[in-house]
Amino acid sequence: MTDSEKRLLRTIICDRREIALIRLKDNTKYLEVCKRQEKSDDYVEELLNKLEEDERISIQDHYEGEVEKTNFEFNEVYLQGLHDTIKILALLGIFNIDVSTNIL
């Protein structure tokens, strides 16, 4: 797969992710989690402000790192699912490609 094909595929994946995020706006459980997070934001901010600056920065850095790590993991899970789907479709004869080809 060429670099331009990889970029195109990643663009498609980003577009699909945007569609999924739009669907979340109708998910009541997701919206409930968002509301709980919003309610606790001020309280957590107050607690963080009671800490020394270096302690506060360490905690914020830790949680930002966790979010970044989770994003990497979700991206890889999505790509693996896409890869597996294409392999399954190829095994079913939908495509005329060798399923051992590493497309991603």
N, C-alpha and C. Protein backbone atom coordinates (compact mmCIF):
# COMPACT_ATOMS: atom_id res chain seq x y z
N MET A 1 0.85 -1.17 0.00
CA MET A 1 0.00 0.00 0.00
C MET A 1 0.90 1.23 0.00
N THR A 2 0.60 2.15 -0.89
CA THR A 2 1.42 3.35 -1.00
C THR A 2 1.08 4.33 0.12
N ASP A 3 1.96 5.31 0.31
CA ASP A 3 1.71 6.33 1.34
C ASP A 3 0.41 7.09 1.06
N SER A 4 0.15 7.40 -0.19
CA SER A 4 -1.08 8.14 -0.51
C SER A 4 -2.31 7.28 -0.24
N GLU A 5 -2.21 5.97 -0.47
CA GLU A 5 -3.33 5.08 -0.16
C GLU A 5 -3.55 5.00 1.36
N LYS A 6 -2.44 4.96 2.10
CA LYS A 6 -2.55 4.94 3.56
C LYS A 6 -3.17 6.23 4.07
N ARG A 7 -2.77 7.37 3.51
CA ARG A 7 -3.35 8.66 3.93
C ARG A 7 -4.84 8.69 3.62
N LEU A 8 -5.23 8.19 2.45
CA LEU A 8 -6.64 8.15 2.07
C LEU A 8 -7.42 7.28 3.04
N LEU A 9 -6.87 6.12 3.36
CA LEU A 9 -7.54 5.22 4.30
C LEU A 9 -7.68 5.88 5.66
N ARG A 10 -6.65 6.53 6.13
CA ARG A 10 -6.74 7.21 7.43
C ARG A 10 -7.77 8.35 7.40
N THR A 11 -7.88 9.04 6.27
CA THR A 11 -8.91 10.08 6.13
C THR A 11 -10.30 9.48 6.23
N ILE A 12 -10.49 8.35 5.57
CA ILE A 12 -11.78 7.66 5.63
C ILE A 12 -12.08 7.24 7.07
N ILE A 13 -11.08 6.72 7.75
CA ILE A 13 -11.26 6.30 9.14
C ILE A 13 -11.63 7.49 10.02
N CYS A 14 -10.98 8.62 9.82
CA CYS A 14 -11.31 9.83 10.60
C CYS A 14 -12.74 10.27 10.33
N ASP A 15 -13.16 10.18 9.07
CA ASP A 15 -14.54 10.54 8.73
C ASP A 15 -15.52 9.61 9.42
N ARG A 16 -15.21 8.31 9.43
CA ARG A 16 -16.08 7.33 10.10
C ARG A 16 -16.13 7.61 11.60
N ARG A 17 -14.99 8.00 12.18
CA ARG A 17 -14.95 8.32 13.60
C ARG A 17 -15.86 9.50 13.90
N GLU A 18 -15.85 10.50 13.02
CA GLU A 18 -16.72 11.67 13.20
C GLU A 18 -18.19 11.25 13.18
N ILE A 19 -18.54 10.35 12.29
CA ILE A 19 -19.93 9.86 12.22
C ILE A 19 -20.29 9.15 13.52
N ALA A 20 -19.37 8.35 14.04
CA ALA A 20 -19.61 7.65 15.30
C ALA A 20 -19.81 8.64 16.44
N LEU A 21 -19.03 9.71 16.46
CA LEU A 21 -19.17 10.72 17.52
C LEU A 21 -20.52 11.43 17.41
N ILE A 22 -20.98 11.63 16.20
CA ILE A 22 -22.30 12.24 16.00
C ILE A 22 -23.38 11.33 16.57
N ARG A 23 -23.24 10.01 16.36
CA ARG A 23 -24.22 9.06 16.90
C ARG A 23 -24.24 9.09 18.42
N LEU A 24 -23.09 9.38 19.04
CA LEU A 24 -23.05 9.43 20.50
C LEU A 24 -23.96 10.51 21.07
N LYS A 25 -24.23 11.52 20.29
CA LYS A 25 -25.09 12.61 20.76
C LYS A 25 -26.50 12.13 21.06
N ASP A 26 -26.88 10.96 20.54
CA ASP A 26 -28.20 10.38 20.80
C ASP A 26 -28.14 9.23 21.81
N ASN A 27 -26.96 8.95 22.34
CA ASN A 27 -26.78 7.84 23.28
C ASN A 27 -26.98 8.36 24.70
N THR A 28 -28.08 7.98 25.33
CA THR A 28 -28.41 8.53 26.65
C THR A 28 -27.38 8.15 27.72
N LYS A 29 -26.84 6.93 27.66
CA LYS A 29 -25.83 6.54 28.65
C LYS A 29 -24.57 7.38 28.51
N TYR A 30 -24.17 7.64 27.28
CA TYR A 30 -23.01 8.49 27.03
C TYR A 30 -23.27 9.90 27.55
N LEU A 31 -24.46 10.43 27.28
CA LEU A 31 -24.81 11.78 27.72
C LEU A 31 -24.84 11.87 29.25
N GLU A 32 -25.27 10.79 29.91
CA GLU A 32 -25.26 10.77 31.37
C GLU A 32 -23.83 10.83 31.91
N VAL A 33 -22.93 10.10 31.28
CA VAL A 33 -21.52 10.13 31.69
C VAL A 33 -20.96 11.54 31.51
N CYS A 34 -21.29 12.17 30.39
CA CYS A 34 -20.83 13.54 30.13
C CYS A 34 -21.33 14.50 31.20
N LYS A 35 -22.59 14.36 31.60
CA LYS A 35 -23.15 15.23 32.64
C LYS A 35 -22.44 15.02 33.97
N ARG A 36 -22.19 13.75 34.32
CA ARG A 36 -21.47 13.48 35.57
C ARG A 36 -20.09 14.09 35.54
N GLN A 37 -19.41 13.99 34.41
CA GLN A 37 -18.08 14.58 34.29
C GLN A 37 -18.14 16.09 34.43
N GLU A 38 -19.11 16.71 33.80
CA GLU A 38 -19.26 18.17 33.90
C GLU A 38 -19.49 18.59 35.35
N LYS A 39 -20.33 17.83 36.06
CA LYS A 39 -20.62 18.17 37.45
C LYS A 39 -19.39 18.04 38.34
N SER A 40 -18.55 17.08 38.05
CA SER A 40 -17.38 16.88 38.91
C SER A 40 -16.19 17.75 38.52
N ASP A 41 -16.25 18.40 37.36
CA ASP A 41 -15.13 19.23 36.90
C ASP A 41 -14.73 20.29 37.92
N ASP A 42 -15.70 21.05 38.41
CA ASP A 42 -15.39 22.14 39.35
C ASP A 42 -14.80 21.59 40.65
N TYR A 43 -15.39 20.50 41.15
CA TYR A 43 -14.91 19.92 42.40
C TYR A 43 -13.47 19.42 42.25
N VAL A 44 -13.20 18.73 41.17
CA VAL A 44 -11.85 18.22 40.93
C VAL A 44 -10.87 19.37 40.77
N GLU A 45 -11.30 20.42 40.10
CA GLU A 45 -10.44 21.60 39.93
C GLU A 45 -10.11 22.22 41.29
N GLU A 46 -11.10 22.30 42.18
CA GLU A 46 -10.86 22.81 43.53
C GLU A 46 -9.84 21.95 44.28
N LEU A 47 -10.00 20.63 44.16
CA LEU A 47 -9.05 19.73 44.83
C LEU A 47 -7.65 19.89 44.27
N LEU A 48 -7.54 19.98 42.96
CA LEU A 48 -6.23 20.14 42.34
C LEU A 48 -5.57 21.44 42.77
N ASN A 49 -6.37 22.50 42.92
CA ASN A 49 -5.82 23.79 43.31
C ASN A 49 -5.28 23.80 44.74
N LYS A 50 -5.70 22.83 45.55
CA LYS A 50 -5.19 22.73 46.92
C LYS A 50 -3.79 22.12 46.95
N LEU A 51 -3.40 21.50 45.87
CA LEU A 51 -2.09 20.85 45.80
C LEU A 51 -1.02 21.86 45.41
N GLU A 52 0.21 21.48 45.68
CA GLU A 52 1.33 22.29 45.19
C GLU A 52 1.34 22.21 43.67
N GLU A 53 1.91 23.23 43.05
CA GLU A 53 1.89 23.30 41.58
C GLU A 53 2.53 22.06 40.94
N ASP A 54 3.66 21.61 41.45
CA ASP A 54 4.32 20.45 40.85
C ASP A 54 3.49 19.18 41.01
N GLU A 55 2.77 19.06 42.13
CA GLU A 55 1.89 17.90 42.33
C GLU A 55 0.71 17.95 41.35
N ARG A 56 0.14 19.14 41.20
CA ARG A 56 -0.98 19.33 40.28
C ARG A 56 -0.56 19.00 38.85
N ILE A 57 0.59 19.49 38.45
CA ILE A 57 1.09 19.25 37.09
C ILE A 57 1.34 17.76 36.88
N SER A 58 1.88 17.08 37.89
CA SER A 58 2.13 15.64 37.78
C SER A 58 0.84 14.86 37.58
N ILE A 59 -0.19 15.21 38.33
CA ILE A 59 -1.48 14.53 38.19
C ILE A 59 -2.09 14.82 36.83
N GLN A 60 -2.08 16.07 36.40
CA GLN A 60 -2.63 16.42 35.09
C GLN A 60 -1.87 15.72 33.97
N ASP A 61 -0.55 15.70 34.07
CA ASP A 61 0.27 15.01 33.06
C ASP A 61 -0.07 13.52 33.01
N HIS A 62 -0.26 12.94 34.18
CA HIS A 62 -0.59 11.51 34.23
C HIS A 62 -1.89 11.24 33.49
N TYR A 63 -2.94 12.00 33.80
CA TYR A 63 -4.24 11.73 33.18
C TYR A 63 -4.26 12.09 31.70
N GLU A 64 -3.53 13.11 31.31
CA GLU A 64 -3.42 13.42 29.88
C GLU A 64 -2.71 12.29 29.15
N GLY A 65 -1.70 11.72 29.78
CA GLY A 65 -1.00 10.57 29.21
C GLY A 65 -1.91 9.36 29.08
N GLU A 66 -2.76 9.15 30.08
CA GLU A 66 -3.71 8.05 30.02
C GLU A 66 -4.68 8.22 28.85
N VAL A 67 -5.16 9.44 28.66
CA VAL A 67 -6.08 9.71 27.55
C VAL A 67 -5.37 9.49 26.22
N GLU A 68 -4.15 9.96 26.11
CA GLU A 68 -3.39 9.78 24.87
C GLU A 68 -3.14 8.30 24.60
N LYS A 69 -2.79 7.55 25.64
CA LYS A 69 -2.56 6.11 25.50
C LYS A 69 -3.84 5.41 25.04
N THR A 70 -4.95 5.76 25.64
CA THR A 70 -6.23 5.16 25.28
C THR A 70 -6.59 5.48 23.83
N ASN A 71 -6.31 6.69 23.39
CA ASN A 71 -6.58 7.04 21.99
C ASN A 71 -5.76 6.18 21.04
N PHE A 72 -4.49 5.96 21.35
CA PHE A 72 -3.65 5.08 20.53
C PHE A 72 -4.25 3.67 20.48
N GLU A 73 -4.67 3.19 21.65
CA GLU A 73 -5.22 1.83 21.72
C GLU A 73 -6.50 1.72 20.91
N PHE A 74 -7.40 2.69 21.04
CA PHE A 74 -8.66 2.65 20.28
C PHE A 74 -8.41 2.72 18.78
N ASN A 75 -7.45 3.55 18.37
CA ASN A 75 -7.12 3.63 16.95
C ASN A 75 -6.64 2.29 16.43
N GLU A 76 -5.78 1.62 17.21
CA GLU A 76 -5.26 0.32 16.79
C GLU A 76 -6.36 -0.73 16.76
N VAL A 77 -7.26 -0.70 17.74
CA VAL A 77 -8.38 -1.64 17.75
C VAL A 77 -9.25 -1.42 16.52
N TYR A 78 -9.51 -0.18 16.20
CA TYR A 78 -10.32 0.14 15.01
C TYR A 78 -9.63 -0.38 13.75
N LEU A 79 -8.35 -0.08 13.60
CA LEU A 79 -7.61 -0.54 12.43
C LEU A 79 -7.58 -2.07 12.34
N GLN A 80 -7.41 -2.73 13.48
CA GLN A 80 -7.40 -4.19 13.48
C GLN A 80 -8.76 -4.74 13.07
N GLY A 81 -9.82 -4.12 13.56
CA GLY A 81 -11.17 -4.53 13.16
C GLY A 81 -11.39 -4.36 11.67
N LEU A 82 -10.93 -3.25 11.13
CA LEU A 82 -11.04 -3.01 9.70
C LEU A 82 -10.25 -4.06 8.93
N HIS A 83 -9.04 -4.32 9.37
CA HIS A 83 -8.17 -5.31 8.74
C HIS A 83 -8.83 -6.70 8.78
N ASP A 84 -9.36 -7.08 9.95
CA ASP A 84 -10.02 -8.38 10.09
C ASP A 84 -11.25 -8.48 9.21
N THR A 85 -12.02 -7.42 9.11
CA THR A 85 -13.21 -7.41 8.26
C THR A 85 -12.85 -7.64 6.80
N ILE A 86 -11.82 -6.97 6.35
CA ILE A 86 -11.38 -7.14 4.96
C ILE A 86 -10.90 -8.57 4.74
N LYS A 87 -10.16 -9.13 5.71
CA LYS A 87 -9.72 -10.52 5.57
C LYS A 87 -10.90 -11.48 5.50
N ILE A 88 -11.89 -11.28 6.36
CA ILE A 88 -13.07 -12.15 6.35
C ILE A 88 -13.80 -12.04 5.01
N LEU A 89 -13.97 -10.82 4.53
CA LEU A 89 -14.63 -10.63 3.23
C LEU A 89 -13.83 -11.29 2.12
N ALA A 90 -12.50 -11.22 2.20
CA ALA A 90 -11.65 -11.86 1.20
C ALA A 90 -11.80 -13.38 1.28
N LEU A 91 -11.84 -13.92 2.50
CA LEU A 91 -12.02 -15.36 2.67
C LEU A 91 -13.36 -15.82 2.09
N LEU A 92 -14.35 -14.96 2.19
CA LEU A 92 -15.67 -15.30 1.64
C LEU A 92 -15.74 -15.11 0.13
N GLY A 93 -14.63 -14.63 -0.43
CA GLY A 93 -14.57 -14.48 -1.88
C GLY A 93 -15.14 -13.17 -2.40
N ILE A 94 -15.36 -12.22 -1.51
CA ILE A 94 -15.92 -10.93 -1.92
C ILE A 94 -14.90 -10.15 -2.74
N PHE A 95 -13.63 -10.27 -2.35
CA PHE A 95 -12.56 -9.57 -3.06
C PHE A 95 -11.69 -10.59 -3.80
N ASN A 96 -11.01 -10.12 -4.77
CA ASN A 96 -10.07 -10.97 -5.48
C ASN A 96 -8.66 -10.60 -5.06
N ILE A 97 -8.37 -10.79 -3.71
CA ILE A 97 -7.04 -10.50 -3.19
C ILE A 97 -6.58 -11.65 -2.33
N ASP A 98 -5.30 -11.73 -2.12
CA ASP A 98 -4.71 -12.74 -1.24
C ASP A 98 -4.90 -12.26 0.20
N VAL A 99 -5.52 -13.07 1.04
CA VAL A 99 -5.82 -12.65 2.43
C VAL A 99 -4.56 -12.52 3.27
N SER A 100 -3.44 -13.03 2.82
CA SER A 100 -2.21 -12.89 3.60
C SER A 100 -1.57 -11.52 3.40
N THR A 101 -2.13 -10.73 2.47
CA THR A 101 -1.59 -9.39 2.19
C THR A 101 -1.81 -8.51 3.41
N ASN A 102 -0.78 -7.83 3.81
CA ASN A 102 -0.88 -6.90 4.93
C ASN A 102 -1.30 -5.55 4.36
N ILE A 103 -2.58 -5.22 4.48
CA ILE A 103 -3.08 -4.00 3.83
C ILE A 103 -2.92 -2.77 4.69
N LEU A 104 -2.75 -2.95 5.98
CA LEU A 104 -2.64 -1.77 6.86
C LEU A 104 -1.29 -1.73 7.50
